[in-house]
Each structure stands twice: as C-alpha cells, then as structure tokens.
Amino acid sequence: MINVSVVVPAYKRVDQTVKTLDLLLKSEGLGSLFDLELILADSTPDASLKDAVSAKFGQKEVYVKPDKTGIATNKNAGAKSAHHQLLIFSDSDIEPEPNTLKETISYLQSHPTVAAVGGTVLWRGGPRDGQKDRPRMEDRMLIKGNTTYTEALYSRYLATYKDVFMAVGGYDELVFNMRGEGSDLSARYWRAGYPMAYDESIVVHHVHDVPDAAAVRVDHSEWGVARDLLLLGYKYNMFDDGFENFPATVDINFSPLGAKGYYRMLQGIGRHFDDFIAAKPILDAFRAADKPAYDFKFLEVFSKSEVFQSCLEDAISRLSSARESAFPAVNA
C-alpha cells in the first residue's frame, strides 16, 4: 500500500474547504491502492473552520494551526506534520476529480526523473468557467520521451516528495508568504536539480466564486504579477541582458493591456513598494549564500540544453532514496 499525505492550507472559506476535504476523501483507490493522511493547515482566526471540519469528518484529518497566517506558512506547517514521503498540496479552493489522486500517484511512480508534478487546472464558476487556469500559453514545456517537463508549477495543486521539499527549504515564508510561492519554489527545485513535470491526466478545478479568493480580491491582477516578477527577477539575478523567456513572460502579462500595461506595471510596483524595501536584505542574504547545483534562472530552465540534459541524467540517482521510501513495494 502506498501512503500519501495531502496538505490543504486554509483560511476561512468554511463551506468550500469542507467540500474540498470531502472530495479528497472520496478519491478513487483510497483504501485499496493507497492510504491517505489528510492534513488541514488552518490559519482562520476563530474556530469556525475547525469546528465545521470536526463535525463533518470527526478524526479523519490531522489539524495543524500555524503560528502566523500566510499560504506559504500554512503549507510548510502541514508538510512538517506529514508522516509520509509522498506529499501533495491542494489549495482549499481546489476541487479534484475522483481519479486525481490516483493519477498523481501513478505518474510519480512511473517517472523516476520527476521530483514534482502538476496537472490541468480548470476554472469552475466565474466568467471563465470551464477554461484553463493553468497551464497558460506562457508556461513553457519540453517533452523528453514520455515526460513533459515544465519550468514552473503554480501552487494550486502540486505533488512531490517530502524529503525533496524539505531539502530545498520548503516555501519561502519571508518574501512569498501571501503569493508567488509556487513560482519561487519552482526556481529552487530546478536549481537544486529536481525536475518538475506536467501531466494532462491530472485534472483539478479552481473554484472562482468563494470568499477570500485571489481571483476576486484585487481590482487588477497585474499588480501582483508586477510584484512577483520584480522580486523573482532580483532574487535570481535576472536583470542583465541575455534572457528570452523571462522578458516574453512580462510581455504576455502586460502587452494585452496596450498603453495601460506600462501604467499597470508601475501601479503594481508602487503598491508593493514597501514589500520591495523589506524584501531586499532578505533576498541579498539569499543571493550571497546561494550555491545552486544548476544555475537555472526563473522561467529559463530550457534555455541551456546541455545543463538541462545534465540535470535530467543526475535526477534519477538524486531521487532514488525518496522514491524507495514512497514506493517500497515497487522498489523492494
């Protein structure tokens, strides 16, 4: 039997979180193909979510209360509490298909070079109901054999190995605690030599119309994009010439707005200016101590084919210990 820990970070959203947990507990293969440890990492300021979950599920979940709020803090606290090597993060506004967990486990089991995998995220409700949230046109992928590698996985739904997640330091709680945590984690996975992949058979739904949802919380999503790109560009030393995909990503996000795109970018920088001032000494310390196994830049993993190929060749041995722990029956 394969053992899996699923971490659901939560803040309020009582009804939606209960529904997400219920869907996870109704997954195909649960009890026959795999056992599930369900971890709720809850930073709701009152007991409303805890009480609702307890009333619905009894003791079927592990309850974790982080010391501070923040999506990265919640996910890290849940991961630290996990007892199993196979680790899945599912946001509280994500609804899985019945076969999502089964497909996720099967994919990691059959792909020895992959350290983390995500799938197709479809909007549920809202103006783009049924359309793709991720991957988007700017999410570069590269097919090698039977594996579709991706430069970044965003944190709506992601599966990995606990040892790998801990080895790279988990999510960044200091700079990317409220957003951008998936982008930053992706860069550090690749730089440590842990490839990320996409599989279309893994499908989840991102619920649009829920309280405290990022999709409805801000007037202009471009403000947050401007913040993230500036912080990530600085953290990974990307403001020299010579990069192709990173500038293209900036263009994809802002050029559709026409002349207003330049203004929206400046607005985003202006609205997050205090964030940049506070983050700079933290990012400077990271840059001074950073010694990556592979000097991949954010969203530029496929730009150096020889380095990329070397990373894949080394990944099998680098992941062997985690895989033996996650799939002991297969590797016995």
C-alpha atoms as a PDB file:
ATOM      1  CA  MET A   1       0.000   0.000   0.000  1.00  0.00           C
ATOM      2  CA  ILE A   2       1.256   3.462  -0.900  1.00  0.00           C
ATOM      3  CA  ASN A   3       0.931   6.109   1.804  1.00  0.00           C
ATOM      4  CA  VAL A   4       0.151   9.711   0.865  1.00  0.00           C
ATOM      5  CA  SER A   5      -0.018  12.937   2.877  1.00  0.00           C
ATOM      6  CA  VAL A   6      -2.263  15.653   1.420  1.00  0.00           C
ATOM      7  CA  VAL A   7      -1.860  19.157   2.831  1.00  0.00           C
ATOM      8  CA  VAL A   8      -4.789  21.573   2.482  1.00  0.00           C
ATOM      9  CA  PRO A   9      -3.851  25.125   3.533  1.00  0.00           C
ATOM     10  CA  ALA A  10      -6.918  27.044   4.652  1.00  0.00           C
ATOM     11  CA  TYR A  11      -8.098  30.470   5.762  1.00  0.00           C
ATOM     12  CA  LYS A  12     -11.823  30.869   6.416  1.00  0.00           C
ATOM     13  CA  ARG A  13     -13.782  29.561   3.336  1.00  0.00           C
ATOM     14  CA  VAL A  14     -15.562  27.116   5.639  1.00  0.00           C
ATOM     15  CA  ASP A  15     -18.062  25.582   3.205  1.00  0.00           C
ATOM     16  CA  GLN A  16     -15.599  25.331   0.312  1.00  0.00           C
ATOM     17  CA  THR A  17     -12.841  23.821   2.467  1.00  0.00           C
ATOM     18  CA  VAL A  18     -15.226  21.190   3.807  1.00  0.00           C
ATOM     19  CA  LYS A  19     -16.234  20.344   0.223  1.00  0.00           C
ATOM     20  CA  THR A  20     -12.596  20.076  -0.894  1.00  0.00           C
ATOM     21  CA  LEU A  21     -11.764  17.744   2.004  1.00  0.00           C
ATOM     22  CA  ASP A  22     -14.851  15.646   1.269  1.00  0.00           C
ATOM     23  CA  LEU A  23     -13.865  15.224  -2.367  1.00  0.00           C
ATOM     24  CA  LEU A  24     -10.328  14.182  -1.394  1.00  0.00           C
ATOM     25  CA  LEU A  25     -11.726  11.577   0.989  1.00  0.00           C
ATOM     26  CA  LYS A  26     -13.926  10.187  -1.805  1.00  0.00           C
ATOM     27  CA  SER A  27     -10.981   9.664  -4.170  1.00  0.00           C
ATOM     28  CA  GLU A  28     -10.835   6.525  -6.303  1.00  0.00           C
ATOM     29  CA  GLY A  29      -8.368   3.961  -4.993  1.00  0.00           C
ATOM     30  CA  LEU A  30      -8.422   5.191  -1.399  1.00  0.00           C
ATOM     31  CA  GLY A  31      -8.134   2.160   0.856  1.00  0.00           C
ATOM     32  CA  SER A  32      -7.236  -0.201  -1.971  1.00  0.00           C
ATOM     33  CA  LEU A  33      -4.365   1.427  -3.881  1.00  0.00           C
ATOM     34  CA  PHE A  34      -3.276   3.987  -1.306  1.00  0.00           C
ATOM     35  CA  ASP A  35      -3.893   5.237   2.206  1.00  0.00           C
ATOM     36  CA  LEU A  36      -4.417   8.930   2.841  1.00  0.00           C
ATOM     37  CA  GLU A  37      -3.255  11.202   5.634  1.00  0.00           C
ATOM     38  CA  LEU A  38      -5.295  14.403   5.265  1.00  0.00           C
ATOM     39  CA  ILE A  39      -3.700  17.455   6.891  1.00  0.00           C
ATOM     40  CA  LEU A  40      -5.632  20.695   7.350  1.00  0.00           C
ATOM     41  CA  ALA A  41      -3.270  23.625   7.968  1.00  0.00           C
ATOM     42  CA  ASP A  42      -5.688  26.282   9.201  1.00  0.00           C
ATOM     43  CA  SER A  43      -4.884  29.932   9.936  1.00  0.00           C
ATOM     44  CA  THR A  44      -8.520  31.011  10.367  1.00  0.00           C
ATOM     45  CA  PRO A  45      -8.556  33.440  13.331  1.00  0.00           C
ATOM     46  CA  ASP A  46     -11.512  31.741  15.008  1.00  0.00           C
ATOM     47  CA  ALA A  47     -12.652  28.118  15.432  1.00  0.00           C
ATOM     48  CA  SER A  48     -15.304  28.200  12.699  1.00  0.00           C
ATOM     49  CA  LEU A  49     -13.421  26.024  10.202  1.00  0.00           C
ATOM     50  CA  LYS A  50     -12.026  23.660  12.816  1.00  0.00           C
ATOM     51  CA  ASP A  51     -15.484  23.089  14.281  1.00  0.00           C
ATOM     52  CA  ALA A  52     -17.094  22.532  10.864  1.00  0.00           C
ATOM     53  CA  VAL A  53     -14.423  20.031   9.816  1.00  0.00           C
ATOM     54  CA  SER A  54     -14.631  18.186  13.119  1.00  0.00           C
ATOM     55  CA  ALA A  55     -18.415  17.960  12.869  1.00  0.00           C
ATOM     56  CA  LYS A  56     -18.242  16.599   9.315  1.00  0.00           C
ATOM     57  CA  PHE A  57     -15.242  14.276   9.471  1.00  0.00           C
ATOM     58  CA  GLY A  58     -14.533  13.519  13.118  1.00  0.00           C
ATOM     59  CA  GLN A  59     -10.894  12.457  13.415  1.00  0.00           C
ATOM     60  CA  LYS A  60     -10.292  11.711   9.747  1.00  0.00           C
ATOM     61  CA  GLU A  61      -7.911  14.657   9.369  1.00  0.00           C
ATOM     62  CA  VAL A  62      -4.787  15.951  11.088  1.00  0.00           C
ATOM     63  CA  TYR A  63      -5.368  19.517  12.267  1.00  0.00           C
ATOM     64  CA  VAL A  64      -2.459  21.979  12.275  1.00  0.00           C
ATOM     65  CA  LYS A  65      -2.596  25.593  13.493  1.00  0.00           C
ATOM     66  CA  PRO A  66       0.392  27.626  12.208  1.00  0.00           C
ATOM     67  CA  ASP A  67       1.791  30.423  14.362  1.00  0.00           C
ATOM     68  CA  LYS A  68       1.096  33.061  11.705  1.00  0.00           C
ATOM     69  CA  THR A  69      -1.085  33.479   8.647  1.00  0.00           C
ATOM     70  CA  GLY A  70       0.089  33.083   5.065  1.00  0.00           C
ATOM     71  CA  ILE A  71      -0.226  30.489   2.320  1.00  0.00           C
ATOM     72  CA  ALA A  72       3.475  29.553   2.453  1.00  0.00           C
ATOM     73  CA  THR A  73       3.415  29.286   6.247  1.00  0.00           C
ATOM     74  CA  ASN A  74       0.337  27.070   6.119  1.00  0.00           C
ATOM     75  CA  LYS A  75       1.842  24.747   3.535  1.00  0.00           C
ATOM     76  CA  ASN A  76       5.143  24.457   5.360  1.00  0.00           C
ATOM     77  CA  ALA A  77       3.410  23.708   8.661  1.00  0.00           C
ATOM     78  CA  GLY A  78       1.340  20.998   7.000  1.00  0.00           C
ATOM     79  CA  ALA A  79       4.374  19.472   5.295  1.00  0.00           C
ATOM     80  CA  LYS A  80       6.326  19.346   8.553  1.00  0.00           C
ATOM     81  CA  SER A  81       3.438  17.429  10.128  1.00  0.00           C
ATOM     82  CA  ALA A  82       3.258  14.904   7.287  1.00  0.00           C
ATOM     83  CA  HIS A  83       4.250  11.338   8.140  1.00  0.00           C
ATOM     84  CA  HIS A  84       4.594  10.089   4.569  1.00  0.00           C
ATOM     85  CA  GLN A  85       7.132  10.618   1.799  1.00  0.00           C
ATOM     86  CA  LEU A  86       4.578  11.237  -0.931  1.00  0.00           C
ATOM     87  CA  LEU A  87       3.348  14.785  -0.375  1.00  0.00           C
ATOM     88  CA  ILE A  88       0.507  16.568  -2.164  1.00  0.00           C
ATOM     89  CA  PHE A  89      -0.540  20.202  -1.721  1.00  0.00           C
ATOM     90  CA  SER A  90      -4.118  21.099  -2.645  1.00  0.00           C
ATOM     91  CA  ASP A  91      -5.444  24.609  -2.028  1.00  0.00           C
ATOM     92  CA  SER A  92      -8.765  24.887  -0.213  1.00  0.00           C
ATOM     93  CA  ASP A  93     -10.474  26.321  -3.326  1.00  0.00           C
ATOM     94  CA  ILE A  94      -9.365  23.377  -5.459  1.00  0.00           C
ATOM     95  CA  GLU A  95     -11.787  20.551  -6.264  1.00  0.00           C
ATOM     96  CA  PRO A  96     -10.183  17.300  -7.501  1.00  0.00           C
ATOM     97  CA  GLU A  97     -11.691  14.814  -9.906  1.00  0.00           C
ATOM     98  CA  PRO A  98     -12.430  11.357  -8.459  1.00  0.00           C
ATOM     99  CA  ASN A  99      -9.282   9.976 -10.134  1.00  0.00           C
ATOM    100  CA  THR A 100      -6.958  12.948  -9.457  1.00  0.00           C
ATOM    101  CA  LEU A 101      -5.021  11.399  -6.574  1.00  0.00           C
ATOM    102  CA  LYS A 102      -4.785   8.027  -8.313  1.00  0.00           C
ATOM    103  CA  GLU A 103      -3.415   9.613 -11.489  1.00  0.00           C
ATOM    104  CA  THR A 104      -0.977  11.733  -9.486  1.00  0.00           C
ATOM    105  CA  ILE A 105       0.452   8.783  -7.584  1.00  0.00           C
ATOM    106  CA  SER A 106       0.695   6.672 -10.735  1.00  0.00           C
ATOM    107  CA  TYR A 107       2.560   9.423 -12.547  1.00  0.00           C
ATOM    108  CA  LEU A 108       5.246   9.899  -9.905  1.00  0.00           C
ATOM    109  CA  GLN A 109       5.589   6.150  -9.523  1.00  0.00           C
ATOM    110  CA  SER A 110       6.338   5.699 -13.235  1.00  0.00           C
ATOM    111  CA  HIS A 111       8.602   8.750 -13.766  1.00  0.00           C
ATOM    112  CA  PRO A 112      11.929   8.345 -11.955  1.00  0.00           C
ATOM    113  CA  THR A 113      13.331  11.724 -13.091  1.00  0.00           C
ATOM    114  CA  VAL A 114      10.388  13.801 -11.838  1.00  0.00           C
ATOM    115  CA  ALA A 115      10.525  15.432  -8.398  1.00  0.00           C
ATOM    116  CA  ALA A 116       7.218  17.292  -8.629  1.00  0.00           C
ATOM    117  CA  VAL A 117       4.180  17.131 -10.885  1.00  0.00           C
ATOM    118  CA  GLY A 118       1.099  19.225 -11.523  1.00  0.00           C
ATOM    119  CA  GLY A 119      -1.770  18.939 -13.952  1.00  0.00           C
ATOM    120  CA  THR A 120      -4.504  20.830 -15.730  1.00  0.00           C
ATOM    121  CA  VAL A 121      -6.323  23.410 -13.613  1.00  0.00           C
ATOM    122  CA  LEU A 122      -9.764  24.388 -14.919  1.00  0.00           C
ATOM    123  CA  TRP A 123     -11.855  27.294 -13.688  1.00  0.00           C
ATOM    124  CA  ARG A 124     -15.110  26.357 -12.006  1.00  0.00           C
ATOM    125  CA  GLY A 125     -17.632  29.202 -11.983  1.00  0.00           C
ATOM    126  CA  GLY A 126     -16.979  32.837 -12.804  1.00  0.00           C
ATOM    127  CA  PRO A 127     -16.575  34.422 -16.242  1.00  0.00           C
ATOM    128  CA  ARG A 128     -14.116  31.750 -17.458  1.00  0.00           C
ATOM    129  CA  ASP A 129     -15.989  28.678 -16.247  1.00  0.00           C
ATOM    130  CA  GLY A 130     -14.504  25.529 -17.777  1.00  0.00           C
ATOM    131  CA  GLN A 131     -11.494  27.318 -19.256  1.00  0.00           C
ATOM    132  CA  LYS A 132      -7.888  26.616 -18.319  1.00  0.00           C
ATOM    133  CA  ASP A 133      -6.373  28.450 -15.402  1.00  0.00           C
ATOM    134  CA  ARG A 134      -3.105  26.511 -15.819  1.00  0.00           C
ATOM    135  CA  PRO A 135      -1.115  25.759 -17.862  1.00  0.00           C
ATOM    136  CA  ARG A 136      -1.220  29.003 -19.830  1.00  0.00           C
ATOM    137  CA  MET A 137       0.403  29.978 -23.102  1.00  0.00           C
ATOM    138  CA  GLU A 138       3.440  31.382 -21.286  1.00  0.00           C
ATOM    139  CA  ASP A 139       4.087  28.163 -19.331  1.00  0.00           C
ATOM    140  CA  ARG A 140       6.907  26.634 -21.366  1.00  0.00           C
ATOM    141  CA  MET A 141       7.110  22.853 -21.549  1.00  0.00           C
ATOM    142  CA  LEU A 142       9.583  20.458 -23.118  1.00  0.00           C
ATOM    143  CA  ILE A 143       8.814  16.837 -23.985  1.00  0.00           C
ATOM    144  CA  LYS A 144      11.568  14.258 -23.464  1.00  0.00           C
ATOM    145  CA  GLY A 145      10.475  10.688 -24.067  1.00  0.00           C
ATOM    146  CA  ASN A 146       7.271  10.121 -22.117  1.00  0.00           C
ATOM    147  CA  THR A 147       7.783  13.126 -19.822  1.00  0.00           C
ATOM    148  CA  THR A 148       6.587  16.698 -20.259  1.00  0.00           C
ATOM    149  CA  TYR A 149       8.861  18.907 -18.191  1.00  0.00           C
ATOM    150  CA  THR A 150       7.723  22.358 -17.154  1.00  0.00           C
ATOM    151  CA  GLU A 151       9.704  25.334 -15.954  1.00  0.00           C
ATOM    152  CA  ALA A 152       7.258  26.209 -13.182  1.00  0.00           C
ATOM    153  CA  LEU A 153       4.363  24.710 -11.241  1.00  0.00           C
ATOM    154  CA  TYR A 154       1.980  27.053  -9.508  1.00  0.00           C
ATOM    155  CA  SER A 155       0.668  26.107  -6.147  1.00  0.00           C
ATOM    156  CA  ARG A 156      -2.982  25.298  -6.709  1.00  0.00           C
ATOM    157  CA  TYR A 157      -2.212  21.562  -6.800  1.00  0.00           C
ATOM    158  CA  LEU A 158       1.248  20.024  -6.669  1.00  0.00           C
ATOM    159  CA  ALA A 159       2.662  16.614  -5.778  1.00  0.00           C
ATOM    160  CA  THR A 160       6.227  15.975  -4.664  1.00  0.00           C
ATOM    161  CA  TYR A 161       8.397  14.064  -2.176  1.00  0.00           C
ATOM    162  CA  LYS A 162       8.699  15.327   1.390  1.00  0.00           C
ATOM    163  CA  ASP A 163      12.482  14.835   1.519  1.00  0.00           C
ATOM    164  CA  VAL A 164      12.908  16.892  -1.648  1.00  0.00           C
ATOM    165  CA  PHE A 165      10.584  19.633  -0.416  1.00  0.00           C
ATOM    166  CA  MET A 166      12.496  19.896   2.854  1.00  0.00           C
ATOM    167  CA  ALA A 167      15.885  19.751   1.113  1.00  0.00           C
ATOM    168  CA  VAL A 168      15.143  22.936  -0.849  1.00  0.00           C
ATOM    169  CA  GLY A 169      13.793  24.721   2.222  1.00  0.00           C
ATOM    170  CA  GLY A 170      10.072  24.490   1.537  1.00  0.00           C
ATOM    171  CA  TYR A 171       8.065  27.554   0.583  1.00  0.00           C
ATOM    172  CA  ASP A 172       9.539  30.999   1.228  1.00  0.00           C
ATOM    173  CA  GLU A 173       7.629  32.421   4.219  1.00  0.00           C
ATOM    174  CA  LEU A 174       9.613  35.668   4.347  1.00  0.00           C
ATOM    175  CA  VAL A 175       9.121  37.097   0.851  1.00  0.00           C
ATOM    176  CA  PHE A 176       6.447  34.965  -0.855  1.00  0.00           C
ATOM    177  CA  ASN A 177       4.181  34.150   2.068  1.00  0.00           C
ATOM    178  CA  MET A 178       0.969  35.534   0.579  1.00  0.00           C
ATOM    179  CA  ARG A 179       1.501  34.916  -3.157  1.00  0.00           C
ATOM    180  CA  GLY A 180       4.168  33.850  -5.659  1.00  0.00           C
ATOM    181  CA  GLU A 181       5.234  30.906  -3.507  1.00  0.00           C
ATOM    182  CA  GLY A 182       4.888  28.375  -6.331  1.00  0.00           C
ATOM    183  CA  SER A 183       6.987  30.398  -8.751  1.00  0.00           C
ATOM    184  CA  ASP A 184       9.772  30.730  -6.214  1.00  0.00           C
ATOM    185  CA  LEU A 185       9.675  27.064  -5.180  1.00  0.00           C
ATOM    186  CA  SER A 186       9.860  26.029  -8.845  1.00  0.00           C
ATOM    187  CA  ALA A 187      13.052  28.001  -9.370  1.00  0.00           C
ATOM    188  CA  ARG A 188      14.691  26.426  -6.323  1.00  0.00           C
ATOM    189  CA  TYR A 189      13.627  22.904  -7.329  1.00  0.00           C
ATOM    190  CA  TRP A 190      15.290  23.218 -10.720  1.00  0.00           C
ATOM    191  CA  ARG A 191      18.389  24.919  -9.297  1.00  0.00           C
ATOM    192  CA  ALA A 192      18.791  22.045  -6.833  1.00  0.00           C
ATOM    193  CA  GLY A 193      18.467  19.506  -9.661  1.00  0.00           C
ATOM    194  CA  TYR A 194      14.881  18.381  -9.037  1.00  0.00           C
ATOM    195  CA  PRO A 195      12.876  18.406 -12.304  1.00  0.00           C
ATOM    196  CA  MET A 196       9.208  19.378 -12.461  1.00  0.00           C
ATOM    197  CA  ALA A 197       6.653  17.984 -14.884  1.00  0.00           C
ATOM    198  CA  TYR A 198       3.118  18.382 -16.181  1.00  0.00           C
ATOM    199  CA  ASP A 199       0.632  15.576 -16.819  1.00  0.00           C
ATOM    200  CA  GLU A 200      -2.667  16.214 -18.584  1.00  0.00           C
ATOM    201  CA  SER A 201      -4.340  13.206 -16.943  1.00  0.00           C
ATOM    202  CA  ILE A 202      -4.185  15.033 -13.592  1.00  0.00           C
ATOM    203  CA  VAL A 203      -7.160  17.413 -13.508  1.00  0.00           C
ATOM    204  CA  VAL A 204      -8.433  19.727 -10.770  1.00  0.00           C
ATOM    205  CA  HIS A 205     -10.905  22.617 -10.685  1.00  0.00           C
ATOM    206  CA  HIS A 206     -10.159  26.087  -9.303  1.00  0.00           C
ATOM    207  CA  VAL A 207     -13.354  27.499  -7.769  1.00  0.00           C
ATOM    208  CA  HIS A 208     -13.762  31.155  -8.683  1.00  0.00           C
ATOM    209  CA  ASP A 209     -16.624  32.395  -6.547  1.00  0.00           C
ATOM    210  CA  VAL A 210     -15.503  31.681  -2.997  1.00  0.00           C
ATOM    211  CA  PRO A 211     -14.825  34.161  -0.176  1.00  0.00           C
ATOM    212  CA  ASP A 212     -11.225  35.439   0.079  1.00  0.00           C
ATOM    213  CA  ALA A 213     -10.378  34.070  -3.378  1.00  0.00           C
ATOM    214  CA  ALA A 214      -7.431  35.674  -5.155  1.00  0.00           C
ATOM    215  CA  ALA A 215      -9.466  35.824  -8.344  1.00  0.00           C
ATOM    216  CA  VAL A 216     -11.918  38.336  -6.844  1.00  0.00           C
ATOM    217  CA  ARG A 217      -9.803  40.013  -4.175  1.00  0.00           C
ATOM    218  CA  VAL A 218      -8.000  42.676  -6.259  1.00  0.00           C
ATOM    219  CA  ASP A 219      -9.030  45.174  -8.911  1.00  0.00           C
ATOM    220  CA  HIS A 220      -6.083  44.359 -11.178  1.00  0.00           C
ATOM    221  CA  SER A 221      -4.261  41.022 -11.051  1.00  0.00           C
ATOM    222  CA  GLU A 222      -1.406  42.687 -12.945  1.00  0.00           C
ATOM    223  CA  TRP A 223      -0.378  44.483  -9.750  1.00  0.00           C
ATOM    224  CA  GLY A 224       0.539  41.201  -8.099  1.00  0.00           C
ATOM    225  CA  VAL A 225       2.235  39.929 -11.248  1.00  0.00           C
ATOM    226  CA  ALA A 226       4.438  43.034 -11.324  1.00  0.00           C
ATOM    227  CA  ARG A 227       5.399  42.444  -7.691  1.00  0.00           C
ATOM    228  CA  ASP A 228       6.265  38.786  -8.219  1.00  0.00           C
ATOM    229  CA  LEU A 229       8.284  39.310 -11.395  1.00  0.00           C
ATOM    230  CA  LEU A 230      10.355  42.066  -9.840  1.00  0.00           C
ATOM    231  CA  LEU A 231      11.089  40.070  -6.677  1.00  0.00           C
ATOM    232  CA  LEU A 232      11.847  36.852  -8.582  1.00  0.00           C
ATOM    233  CA  GLY A 233      13.990  38.675 -11.107  1.00  0.00           C
ATOM    234  CA  TYR A 234      16.033  40.234  -8.348  1.00  0.00           C
ATOM    235  CA  LYS A 235      16.283  37.064  -6.234  1.00  0.00           C
ATOM    236  CA  TYR A 236      17.659  35.057  -9.151  1.00  0.00           C
ATOM    237  CA  ASN A 237      19.801  37.853 -10.593  1.00  0.00           C
ATOM    238  CA  MET A 238      17.912  38.255 -13.878  1.00  0.00           C
ATOM    239  CA  PHE A 239      18.225  41.918 -14.732  1.00  0.00           C
ATOM    240  CA  ASP A 240      21.136  41.510 -17.131  1.00  0.00           C
ATOM    241  CA  ASP A 241      20.656  41.032 -20.867  1.00  0.00           C
ATOM    242  CA  GLY A 242      20.603  37.583 -22.427  1.00  0.00           C
ATOM    243  CA  PHE A 243      17.294  36.134 -21.263  1.00  0.00           C
ATOM    244  CA  GLU A 244      14.471  35.389 -23.681  1.00  0.00           C
ATOM    245  CA  ASN A 245      11.545  33.768 -21.902  1.00  0.00           C
ATOM    246  CA  PHE A 246      11.503  35.970 -18.812  1.00  0.00           C
ATOM    247  CA  PRO A 247      11.030  39.178 -20.867  1.00  0.00           C
ATOM    248  CA  ALA A 248       8.479  37.332 -23.018  1.00  0.00           C
ATOM    249  CA  THR A 249       6.522  36.464 -19.877  1.00  0.00           C
ATOM    250  CA  VAL A 250       6.482  40.128 -18.863  1.00  0.00           C
ATOM    251  CA  ASP A 251       5.207  40.988 -22.337  1.00  0.00           C
ATOM    252  CA  ILE A 252       2.476  38.332 -22.273  1.00  0.00           C
ATOM    253  CA  ASN A 253       1.147  39.651 -18.976  1.00  0.00           C
ATOM    254  CA  PHE A 254       1.186  43.368 -19.786  1.00  0.00           C
ATOM    255  CA  SER A 255       1.139  43.965 -23.563  1.00  0.00           C
ATOM    256  CA  PRO A 256      -2.530  42.903 -23.993  1.00  0.00           C
ATOM    257  CA  LEU A 257      -3.424  45.975 -21.943  1.00  0.00           C
ATOM    258  CA  GLY A 258      -1.854  48.237 -24.553  1.00  0.00           C
ATOM    259  CA  ALA A 259      -0.590  51.575 -23.271  1.00  0.00           C
ATOM    260  CA  LYS A 260      -2.232  50.877 -19.919  1.00  0.00           C
ATOM    261  CA  GLY A 261       0.062  47.890 -19.468  1.00  0.00           C
ATOM    262  CA  TYR A 262       3.016  50.116 -18.653  1.00  0.00           C
ATOM    263  CA  TYR A 263       0.897  52.019 -16.161  1.00  0.00           C
ATOM    264  CA  ARG A 264      -0.442  48.828 -14.546  1.00  0.00           C
ATOM    265  CA  MET A 265       3.129  47.602 -14.063  1.00  0.00           C
ATOM    266  CA  LEU A 266       4.131  50.859 -12.403  1.00  0.00           C
ATOM    267  CA  GLN A 267       0.992  50.729 -10.278  1.00  0.00           C
ATOM    268  CA  GLY A 268       1.904  47.235  -9.118  1.00  0.00           C
ATOM    269  CA  ILE A 269       5.426  48.294  -8.227  1.00  0.00           C
ATOM    270  CA  GLY A 270       4.126  51.379  -6.455  1.00  0.00           C
ATOM    271  CA  ARG A 271       1.504  49.496  -4.466  1.00  0.00           C
ATOM    272  CA  HIS A 272       4.095  46.943  -3.330  1.00  0.00           C
ATOM    273  CA  PHE A 273       6.999  49.328  -2.862  1.00  0.00           C
ATOM    274  CA  ASP A 274       7.173  48.673   0.884  1.00  0.00           C
ATOM    275  CA  ASP A 275       7.371  44.942   0.119  1.00  0.00           C
ATOM    276  CA  PHE A 276      10.428  45.508  -2.056  1.00  0.00           C
ATOM    277  CA  ILE A 277      12.177  47.578   0.606  1.00  0.00           C
ATOM    278  CA  ALA A 278      11.506  44.936   3.270  1.00  0.00           C
ATOM    279  CA  ALA A 279      12.487  42.043   0.982  1.00  0.00           C
ATOM    280  CA  LYS A 280      15.784  43.413  -0.328  1.00  0.00           C
ATOM    281  CA  PRO A 281      18.003  42.480   2.655  1.00  0.00           C
ATOM    282  CA  ILE A 282      16.401  39.014   2.759  1.00  0.00           C
ATOM    283  CA  LEU A 283      16.989  38.492  -0.954  1.00  0.00           C
ATOM    284  CA  ASP A 284      20.526  39.866  -0.697  1.00  0.00           C
ATOM    285  CA  ALA A 285      21.274  37.296   2.011  1.00  0.00           C
ATOM    286  CA  PHE A 286      19.860  34.538  -0.182  1.00  0.00           C
ATOM    287  CA  ARG A 287      21.979  35.625  -3.142  1.00  0.00           C
ATOM    288  CA  ALA A 288      25.129  35.746  -1.027  1.00  0.00           C
ATOM    289  CA  ALA A 289      24.605  32.215   0.306  1.00  0.00           C
ATOM    290  CA  ASP A 290      23.120  30.630  -2.822  1.00  0.00           C
ATOM    291  CA  LYS A 291      25.185  27.834  -4.355  1.00  0.00           C
ATOM    292  CA  PRO A 292      22.877  26.075  -6.851  1.00  0.00           C
ATOM    293  CA  ALA A 293      23.720  22.690  -8.294  1.00  0.00           C
ATOM    294  CA  TYR A 294      22.473  24.075 -11.635  1.00  0.00           C
ATOM    295  CA  ASP A 295      22.408  27.806 -12.296  1.00  0.00           C
ATOM    296  CA  PHE A 296      18.937  27.798 -13.823  1.00  0.00           C
ATOM    297  CA  LYS A 297      17.132  31.126 -13.806  1.00  0.00           C
ATOM    298  CA  PHE A 298      13.423  31.565 -13.175  1.00  0.00           C
ATOM    299  CA  LEU A 299      11.499  30.534 -16.339  1.00  0.00           C
ATOM    300  CA  GLU A 300      14.776  29.979 -18.193  1.00  0.00           C
ATOM    301  CA  VAL A 301      15.317  26.276 -17.432  1.00  0.00           C
ATOM    302  CA  PHE A 302      15.114  25.166 -21.075  1.00  0.00           C
ATOM    303  CA  SER A 303      17.404  27.927 -22.318  1.00  0.00           C
ATOM    304  CA  LYS A 304      20.594  25.929 -21.730  1.00  0.00           C
ATOM    305  CA  SER A 305      20.061  22.491 -23.284  1.00  0.00           C
ATOM    306  CA  GLU A 306      23.311  20.922 -22.055  1.00  0.00           C
ATOM    307  CA  VAL A 307      22.705  21.974 -18.448  1.00  0.00           C
ATOM    308  CA  PHE A 308      19.110  20.796 -18.680  1.00  0.00           C
ATOM    309  CA  GLN A 309      20.150  17.384 -20.004  1.00  0.00           C
ATOM    310  CA  SER A 310      22.760  17.006 -17.268  1.00  0.00           C
ATOM    311  CA  CYS A 311      20.098  17.782 -14.670  1.00  0.00           C
ATOM    312  CA  LEU A 312      17.829  15.035 -16.018  1.00  0.00           C
ATOM    313  CA  GLU A 313      20.639  12.483 -16.072  1.00  0.00           C
ATOM    314  CA  ASP A 314      21.526  13.185 -12.445  1.00  0.00           C
ATOM    315  CA  ALA A 315      17.903  13.302 -11.261  1.00  0.00           C
ATOM    316  CA  ILE A 316      17.408   9.530 -11.181  1.00  0.00           C
ATOM    317  CA  SER A 317      20.114   8.972  -8.579  1.00  0.00           C
ATOM    318  CA  ARG A 318      19.204  12.174  -6.739  1.00  0.00           C
ATOM    319  CA  LEU A 319      15.595  10.974  -6.336  1.00  0.00           C
ATOM    320  CA  SER A 320      16.294   7.291  -5.679  1.00  0.00           C
ATOM    321  CA  SER A 321      16.133   7.481  -1.873  1.00  0.00           C
ATOM    322  CA  ALA A 322      12.861   9.425  -1.805  1.00  0.00           C
ATOM    323  CA  ARG A 323      11.293   7.093  -4.360  1.00  0.00           C
ATOM    324  CA  GLU A 324      12.311   3.977  -2.422  1.00  0.00           C
ATOM    325  CA  SER A 325      10.619   5.442   0.639  1.00  0.00           C
ATOM    326  CA  ALA A 326       7.481   6.471  -1.260  1.00  0.00           C
ATOM    327  CA  PHE A 327       7.057   3.248  -3.239  1.00  0.00           C
ATOM    328  CA  PRO A 328       8.651   0.493  -1.110  1.00  0.00           C
ATOM    329  CA  ALA A 329       6.717  -2.402  -2.645  1.00  0.00           C
ATOM    330  CA  VAL A 330       7.807  -1.486  -6.168  1.00  0.00           C
ATOM    331  CA  ASN A 331      11.438  -0.982  -5.232  1.00  0.00           C
ATOM    332  CA  ALA A 332      11.784  -3.974  -2.914  1.00  0.00           C
END
